[in-house]
All heavy atoms as atom14 arrays in JSON, in Angstrom:
{
  "sequence": "LAEALRPIFEYETHKGETETITRTCTIDGGCTES",
  "atom14_mask": [
    [1, 1, 1, 1, 1, 1, 1, 1, 0, 0, 0, 0, 0, 0],
    [1, 1, 1, 1, 1, 0, 0, 0, 0, 0, 0, 0, 0, 0],
    [1, 1, 1, 1, 1, 1, 1, 1, 1, 0, 0, 0, 0, 0],
    [1, 1, 1, 1, 1, 0, 0, 0, 0, 0, 0, 0, 0, 0],
    [1, 1, 1, 1, 1, 1, 1, 1, 0, 0, 0, 0, 0, 0],
    [1, 1, 1, 1, 1, 1, 1, 1, 1, 1, 1, 0, 0, 0],
    [1, 1, 1, 1, 1, 1, 1, 0, 0, 0, 0, 0, 0, 0],
    [1, 1, 1, 1, 1, 1, 1, 1, 0, 0, 0, 0, 0, 0],
    [1, 1, 1, 1, 1, 1, 1, 1, 1, 1, 1, 0, 0, 0],
    [1, 1, 1, 1, 1, 1, 1, 1, 1, 0, 0, 0, 0, 0],
    [1, 1, 1, 1, 1, 1, 1, 1, 1, 1, 1, 1, 0, 0],
    [1, 1, 1, 1, 1, 1, 1, 1, 1, 0, 0, 0, 0, 0],
    [1, 1, 1, 1, 1, 1, 1, 0, 0, 0, 0, 0, 0, 0],
    [1, 1, 1, 1, 1, 1, 1, 1, 1, 1, 0, 0, 0, 0],
    [1, 1, 1, 1, 1, 1, 1, 1, 1, 0, 0, 0, 0, 0],
    [1, 1, 1, 1, 0, 0, 0, 0, 0, 0, 0, 0, 0, 0],
    [1, 1, 1, 1, 1, 1, 1, 1, 1, 0, 0, 0, 0, 0],
    [1, 1, 1, 1, 1, 1, 1, 0, 0, 0, 0, 0, 0, 0],
    [1, 1, 1, 1, 1, 1, 1, 1, 1, 0, 0, 0, 0, 0],
    [1, 1, 1, 1, 1, 1, 1, 0, 0, 0, 0, 0, 0, 0],
    [1, 1, 1, 1, 1, 1, 1, 1, 0, 0, 0, 0, 0, 0],
    [1, 1, 1, 1, 1, 1, 1, 0, 0, 0, 0, 0, 0, 0],
    [1, 1, 1, 1, 1, 1, 1, 1, 1, 1, 1, 0, 0, 0],
    [1, 1, 1, 1, 1, 1, 1, 0, 0, 0, 0, 0, 0, 0],
    [1, 1, 1, 1, 1, 1, 0, 0, 0, 0, 0, 0, 0, 0],
    [1, 1, 1, 1, 1, 1, 1, 0, 0, 0, 0, 0, 0, 0],
    [1, 1, 1, 1, 1, 1, 1, 1, 0, 0, 0, 0, 0, 0],
    [1, 1, 1, 1, 1, 1, 1, 1, 0, 0, 0, 0, 0, 0],
    [1, 1, 1, 1, 0, 0, 0, 0, 0, 0, 0, 0, 0, 0],
    [1, 1, 1, 1, 0, 0, 0, 0, 0, 0, 0, 0, 0, 0],
    [1, 1, 1, 1, 1, 1, 0, 0, 0, 0, 0, 0, 0, 0],
    [1, 1, 1, 1, 1, 1, 1, 0, 0, 0, 0, 0, 0, 0],
    [1, 1, 1, 1, 1, 1, 1, 1, 1, 0, 0, 0, 0, 0],
    [1, 1, 1, 1, 1, 1, 0, 0, 0, 0, 0, 0, 0, 0]
  ],
  "atom14_positions": [
    [[24.51, 20.63, -26.66], [25.25, 19.45, -26.35], [24.51, 18.65, -25.21], [24.28, 17.39, -25.2], [26.62, 19.65, -25.83], [27.58, 20.1, -26.93], [28.88, 20.87, -26.39], [28.04, 18.86, -27.69], [0.0, 0.0, 0.0], [0.0, 0.0, 0.0], [0.0, 0.0, 0.0], [0.0, 0.0, 0.0], [0.0, 0.0, 0.0], [0.0, 0.0, 0.0]],
    [[23.91, 19.39, -24.19], [23.18, 18.72, -23.1], [21.94, 17.99, -23.73], [21.69, 16.9, -23.23], [22.72, 19.73, -22.14], [0.0, 0.0, 0.0], [0.0, 0.0, 0.0], [0.0, 0.0, 0.0], [0.0, 0.0, 0.0], [0.0, 0.0, 0.0], [0.0, 0.0, 0.0], [0.0, 0.0, 0.0], [0.0, 0.0, 0.0], [0.0, 0.0, 0.0]],
    [[21.23, 18.55, -24.6], [20.14, 17.92, -25.25], [20.57, 16.66, -26.01], [19.86, 15.73, -26.0], [19.4, 18.94, -26.1], [18.14, 18.3, -26.78], [17.04, 17.94, -25.88], [16.95, 18.61, -24.74], [16.34, 17.12, -26.0], [0.0, 0.0, 0.0], [0.0, 0.0, 0.0], [0.0, 0.0, 0.0], [0.0, 0.0, 0.0], [0.0, 0.0, 0.0]],
    [[21.61, 16.73, -26.74], [22.08, 15.62, -27.63], [22.58, 14.46, -26.76], [22.26, 13.34, -27.04], [23.17, 16.14, -28.54], [0.0, 0.0, 0.0], [0.0, 0.0, 0.0], [0.0, 0.0, 0.0], [0.0, 0.0, 0.0], [0.0, 0.0, 0.0], [0.0, 0.0, 0.0], [0.0, 0.0, 0.0], [0.0, 0.0, 0.0], [0.0, 0.0, 0.0]],
    [[23.21, 14.71, -25.6], [23.85, 13.65, -24.89], [22.92, 13.21, -23.75], [23.28, 12.42, -22.9], [25.16, 14.16, -24.33], [26.25, 14.52, -25.29], [27.48, 14.99, -24.66], [26.56, 13.24, -26.09], [0.0, 0.0, 0.0], [0.0, 0.0, 0.0], [0.0, 0.0, 0.0], [0.0, 0.0, 0.0], [0.0, 0.0, 0.0], [0.0, 0.0, 0.0]],
    [[21.73, 13.77, -23.61], [20.78, 13.29, -22.6], [20.52, 11.85, -22.69], [20.27, 11.24, -23.76], [19.42, 14.05, -22.85], [18.37, 13.72, -21.87], [16.98, 14.18, -22.44], [16.92, 15.63, -22.55], [16.61, 16.47, -21.72], [16.25, 16.15, -20.5], [16.59, 17.72, -21.96], [0.0, 0.0, 0.0], [0.0, 0.0, 0.0], [0.0, 0.0, 0.0]],
    [[20.61, 11.15, -21.56], [20.37, 9.68, -21.51], [18.97, 9.38, -21.96], [17.97, 10.13, -21.65], [20.8, 9.23, -20.07], [20.67, 10.48, -19.23], [21.01, 11.68, -20.18], [0.0, 0.0, 0.0], [0.0, 0.0, 0.0], [0.0, 0.0, 0.0], [0.0, 0.0, 0.0], [0.0, 0.0, 0.0], [0.0, 0.0, 0.0], [0.0, 0.0, 0.0]],
    [[18.76, 8.1, -22.39], [17.47, 7.65, -22.76], [17.07, 6.54, -21.65], [17.75, 5.61, -21.45], [17.47, 6.99, -24.12], [17.95, 8.03, -25.14], [15.99, 6.36, -24.52], [18.21, 7.44, -26.54], [0.0, 0.0, 0.0], [0.0, 0.0, 0.0], [0.0, 0.0, 0.0], [0.0, 0.0, 0.0], [0.0, 0.0, 0.0], [0.0, 0.0, 0.0]],
    [[15.92, 6.8, -20.96], [15.48, 5.93, -19.99], [14.28, 5.03, -20.43], [13.34, 5.62, -21.0], [15.08, 6.67, -18.65], [16.32, 7.48, -18.02], [16.42, 8.84, -18.27], [17.19, 6.79, -17.24], [17.44, 9.48, -17.8], [18.27, 7.43, -16.74], [18.43, 8.79, -16.99], [0.0, 0.0, 0.0], [0.0, 0.0, 0.0], [0.0, 0.0, 0.0]],
    [[14.24, 3.69, -19.99], [13.01, 2.95, -20.27], [12.53, 2.41, -19.06], [13.41, 1.8, -18.27], [13.49, 1.84, -21.26], [12.4, 0.99, -21.76], [12.76, -0.17, -22.66], [13.87, 0.05, -23.35], [12.13, -1.23, -22.69], [0.0, 0.0, 0.0], [0.0, 0.0, 0.0], [0.0, 0.0, 0.0], [0.0, 0.0, 0.0], [0.0, 0.0, 0.0]],
    [[11.29, 2.57, -18.77], [10.68, 2.01, -17.55], [9.61, 0.87, -17.86], [9.16, 0.88, -19.02], [10.01, 3.13, -16.73], [10.95, 4.0, -16.03], [11.51, 5.23, -16.68], [11.26, 3.8, -14.7], [12.33, 6.09, -16.08], [12.08, 4.72, -14.01], [12.64, 5.87, -14.74], [13.38, 6.63, -14.0], [0.0, 0.0, 0.0], [0.0, 0.0, 0.0]],
    [[9.49, 0.1, -16.86], [8.46, -0.93, -17.05], [7.56, -0.84, -15.69], [8.15, -0.57, -14.69], [9.0, -2.43, -17.18], [9.55, -2.64, -18.49], [9.96, -4.19, -18.61], [9.9, -4.8, -17.62], [10.48, -4.63, -19.62], [0.0, 0.0, 0.0], [0.0, 0.0, 0.0], [0.0, 0.0, 0.0], [0.0, 0.0, 0.0], [0.0, 0.0, 0.0]],
    [[6.21, -1.17, -15.91], [5.35, -1.21, -14.79], [5.11, -2.57, -14.4], [4.77, -3.44, -15.31], [4.01, -0.39, -15.27], [4.25, 0.93, -15.53], [3.02, -0.6, -13.98], [0.0, 0.0, 0.0], [0.0, 0.0, 0.0], [0.0, 0.0, 0.0], [0.0, 0.0, 0.0], [0.0, 0.0, 0.0], [0.0, 0.0, 0.0], [0.0, 0.0, 0.0]],
    [[5.36, -2.91, -13.17], [5.12, -4.32, -12.66], [3.98, -4.25, -11.56], [3.92, -3.35, -10.72], [6.42, -4.81, -12.08], [7.51, -5.12, -13.08], [7.67, -6.42, -13.53], [8.35, -4.21, -13.8], [8.68, -6.36, -14.44], [9.05, -5.12, -14.62], [0.0, 0.0, 0.0], [0.0, 0.0, 0.0], [0.0, 0.0, 0.0], [0.0, 0.0, 0.0]],
    [[3.05, -5.25, -11.66], [2.02, -5.24, -10.82], [2.29, -6.2, -9.66], [2.82, -7.38, -9.8], [0.75, -5.8, -11.56], [0.31, -4.78, -12.61], [-0.93, -5.25, -13.34], [-1.38, -4.22, -14.29], [-2.63, -4.68, -15.02], [0.0, 0.0, 0.0], [0.0, 0.0, 0.0], [0.0, 0.0, 0.0], [0.0, 0.0, 0.0], [0.0, 0.0, 0.0]],
    [[1.94, -5.83, -8.49], [2.1, -6.69, -7.24], [0.84, -6.55, -6.36], [-0.03, -5.88, -6.7], [0.0, 0.0, 0.0], [0.0, 0.0, 0.0], [0.0, 0.0, 0.0], [0.0, 0.0, 0.0], [0.0, 0.0, 0.0], [0.0, 0.0, 0.0], [0.0, 0.0, 0.0], [0.0, 0.0, 0.0], [0.0, 0.0, 0.0], [0.0, 0.0, 0.0]],
    [[0.91, -7.42, -5.38], [-0.29, -7.36, -4.39], [0.19, -7.68, -3.04], [1.25, -8.25, -2.78], [-1.29, -8.33, -4.81], [-0.9, -9.75, -4.9], [-2.07, -10.68, -5.41], [-2.91, -10.22, -6.26], [-2.07, -11.88, -4.93], [0.0, 0.0, 0.0], [0.0, 0.0, 0.0], [0.0, 0.0, 0.0], [0.0, 0.0, 0.0], [0.0, 0.0, 0.0]],
    [[-0.55, -7.11, -2.09], [-0.39, -7.56, -0.71], [-1.57, -8.27, -0.15], [-2.66, -7.8, -0.28], [-0.17, -6.25, 0.24], [0.99, -5.53, -0.27], [0.0, -6.58, 1.72], [0.0, 0.0, 0.0], [0.0, 0.0, 0.0], [0.0, 0.0, 0.0], [0.0, 0.0, 0.0], [0.0, 0.0, 0.0], [0.0, 0.0, 0.0], [0.0, 0.0, 0.0]],
    [[-1.35, -9.46, 0.34], [-2.39, -10.29, 0.89], [-2.42, -10.2, 2.42], [-1.33, -10.49, 3.08], [-2.14, -11.69, 0.48], [-3.29, -12.67, 1.04], [-3.11, -14.08, 0.5], [-2.12, -14.4, -0.13], [-3.93, -14.91, 0.81], [0.0, 0.0, 0.0], [0.0, 0.0, 0.0], [0.0, 0.0, 0.0], [0.0, 0.0, 0.0], [0.0, 0.0, 0.0]],
    [[-3.63, -9.83, 2.96], [-3.68, -9.61, 4.42], [-4.79, -10.57, 4.9], [-5.94, -10.49, 4.43], [-4.03, -8.21, 4.76], [-3.04, -7.35, 4.18], [-4.12, -8.01, 6.21], [0.0, 0.0, 0.0], [0.0, 0.0, 0.0], [0.0, 0.0, 0.0], [0.0, 0.0, 0.0], [0.0, 0.0, 0.0], [0.0, 0.0, 0.0], [0.0, 0.0, 0.0]],
    [[-4.41, -11.42, 5.84], [-5.38, -12.38, 6.47], [-5.59, -12.06, 7.9], [-4.57, -11.99, 8.68], [-4.89, -13.88, 6.4], [-4.7, -14.28, 4.94], [-5.89, -14.78, 7.06], [-4.11, -15.63, 4.7], [0.0, 0.0, 0.0], [0.0, 0.0, 0.0], [0.0, 0.0, 0.0], [0.0, 0.0, 0.0], [0.0, 0.0, 0.0], [0.0, 0.0, 0.0]],
    [[-6.81, -11.65, 8.27], [-7.22, -11.27, 9.6], [-7.96, -12.44, 10.28], [-8.91, -12.73, 9.83], [-7.95, -10.03, 9.61], [-7.13, -8.93, 8.94], [-8.26, -9.45, 10.99], [0.0, 0.0, 0.0], [0.0, 0.0, 0.0], [0.0, 0.0, 0.0], [0.0, 0.0, 0.0], [0.0, 0.0, 0.0], [0.0, 0.0, 0.0], [0.0, 0.0, 0.0]],
    [[-7.45, -12.91, 11.46], [-8.09, -13.86, 12.17], [-8.54, -13.33, 13.54], [-7.69, -12.89, 14.35], [-7.08, -15.07, 12.36], [-7.65, -16.4, 12.98], [-6.68, -17.42, 13.05], [-7.13, -18.63, 13.83], [-7.87, -19.6, 13.24], [-8.19, -19.52, 11.91], [-8.19, -20.59, 13.93], [0.0, 0.0, 0.0], [0.0, 0.0, 0.0], [0.0, 0.0, 0.0]],
    [[-9.86, -13.37, 13.79], [-10.28, -12.92, 15.1], [-10.95, -14.06, 15.87], [-11.73, -14.87, 15.4], [-11.43, -11.83, 14.75], [-10.98, -10.88, 13.95], [-11.92, -11.29, 16.1], [0.0, 0.0, 0.0], [0.0, 0.0, 0.0], [0.0, 0.0, 0.0], [0.0, 0.0, 0.0], [0.0, 0.0, 0.0], [0.0, 0.0, 0.0], [0.0, 0.0, 0.0]],
    [[-10.41, -14.18, 17.16], [-10.82, -15.4, 17.97], [-11.22, -14.86, 19.35], [-10.78, -13.75, 19.89], [-9.65, -16.34, 18.14], [-9.07, -16.99, 16.57], [0.0, 0.0, 0.0], [0.0, 0.0, 0.0], [0.0, 0.0, 0.0], [0.0, 0.0, 0.0], [0.0, 0.0, 0.0], [0.0, 0.0, 0.0], [0.0, 0.0, 0.0], [0.0, 0.0, 0.0]],
    [[-12.08, -15.57, 19.96], [-12.5, -15.43, 21.38], [-11.94, -16.45, 22.18], [-11.36, -17.49, 21.71], [-14.05, -15.26, 21.51], [-14.55, -16.63, 21.04], [-14.73, -14.21, 20.63], [0.0, 0.0, 0.0], [0.0, 0.0, 0.0], [0.0, 0.0, 0.0], [0.0, 0.0, 0.0], [0.0, 0.0, 0.0], [0.0, 0.0, 0.0], [0.0, 0.0, 0.0]],
    [[-12.03, -16.41, 23.51], [-11.52, -17.28, 24.42], [-12.01, -18.66, 24.41], [-11.29, -19.72, 24.64], [-11.69, -16.75, 25.87], [-10.72, -17.46, 26.84], [-13.09, -16.91, 26.37], [-9.3, -17.13, 26.54], [0.0, 0.0, 0.0], [0.0, 0.0, 0.0], [0.0, 0.0, 0.0], [0.0, 0.0, 0.0], [0.0, 0.0, 0.0], [0.0, 0.0, 0.0]],
    [[-13.25, -18.83, 23.84], [-13.87, -20.15, 23.84], [-13.41, -20.93, 22.51], [-13.9, -21.92, 22.28], [-15.4, -20.05, 23.86], [-16.01, -19.29, 22.72], [-15.18, -18.85, 21.74], [-17.23, -19.19, 22.61], [0.0, 0.0, 0.0], [0.0, 0.0, 0.0], [0.0, 0.0, 0.0], [0.0, 0.0, 0.0], [0.0, 0.0, 0.0], [0.0, 0.0, 0.0]],
    [[-12.63, -20.17, 21.68], [-12.01, -20.87, 20.51], [-12.73, -20.62, 19.24], [-12.41, -21.0, 18.19], [0.0, 0.0, 0.0], [0.0, 0.0, 0.0], [0.0, 0.0, 0.0], [0.0, 0.0, 0.0], [0.0, 0.0, 0.0], [0.0, 0.0, 0.0], [0.0, 0.0, 0.0], [0.0, 0.0, 0.0], [0.0, 0.0, 0.0], [0.0, 0.0, 0.0]],
    [[-13.79, -19.91, 19.37], [-14.58, -19.49, 18.13], [-13.78, -18.45, 17.24], [-13.28, -17.47, 17.88], [0.0, 0.0, 0.0], [0.0, 0.0, 0.0], [0.0, 0.0, 0.0], [0.0, 0.0, 0.0], [0.0, 0.0, 0.0], [0.0, 0.0, 0.0], [0.0, 0.0, 0.0], [0.0, 0.0, 0.0], [0.0, 0.0, 0.0], [0.0, 0.0, 0.0]],
    [[-13.47, -18.69, 16.01], [-12.67, -17.82, 15.25], [-13.35, -17.48, 13.86], [-14.09, -18.39, 13.35], [-11.24, -18.41, 14.98], [-10.21, -18.66, 16.45], [0.0, 0.0, 0.0], [0.0, 0.0, 0.0], [0.0, 0.0, 0.0], [0.0, 0.0, 0.0], [0.0, 0.0, 0.0], [0.0, 0.0, 0.0], [0.0, 0.0, 0.0], [0.0, 0.0, 0.0]],
    [[-13.08, -16.25, 13.52], [-13.51, -15.92, 12.0], [-12.17, -15.43, 11.35], [-11.25, -14.95, 11.94], [-14.64, -14.92, 11.98], [-13.96, -13.69, 12.71], [-15.88, -15.42, 12.68], [0.0, 0.0, 0.0], [0.0, 0.0, 0.0], [0.0, 0.0, 0.0], [0.0, 0.0, 0.0], [0.0, 0.0, 0.0], [0.0, 0.0, 0.0], [0.0, 0.0, 0.0]],
    [[-12.2, -15.61, 10.01], [-11.06, -15.28, 9.19], [-11.49, -14.48, 7.96], [-12.46, -14.91, 7.37], [-10.3, -16.53, 8.79], [-8.87, -16.16, 8.3], [-8.0, -17.49, 8.17], [-7.35, -17.86, 9.23], [-8.07, -18.1, 7.11], [0.0, 0.0, 0.0], [0.0, 0.0, 0.0], [0.0, 0.0, 0.0], [0.0, 0.0, 0.0], [0.0, 0.0, 0.0]],
    [[-10.82, -13.42, 7.54], [-11.09, -12.65, 6.45], [-9.84, -12.4, 5.7], [-8.76, -12.28, 6.21], [-11.8, -11.39, 6.66], [-11.04, -10.56, 7.45], [0.0, 0.0, 0.0], [0.0, 0.0, 0.0], [0.0, 0.0, 0.0], [0.0, 0.0, 0.0], [0.0, 0.0, 0.0], [0.0, 0.0, 0.0], [0.0, 0.0, 0.0], [0.0, 0.0, 0.0]]
  ]
}
């Protein structure tokens, strides 16, 4: 009975991303960004 009544699960894979922007500056105002 346990085997027969076992629920059926369906999964999907979803793709995501994390965007990270790093800004490095000095006191004279010069900056770089990656």
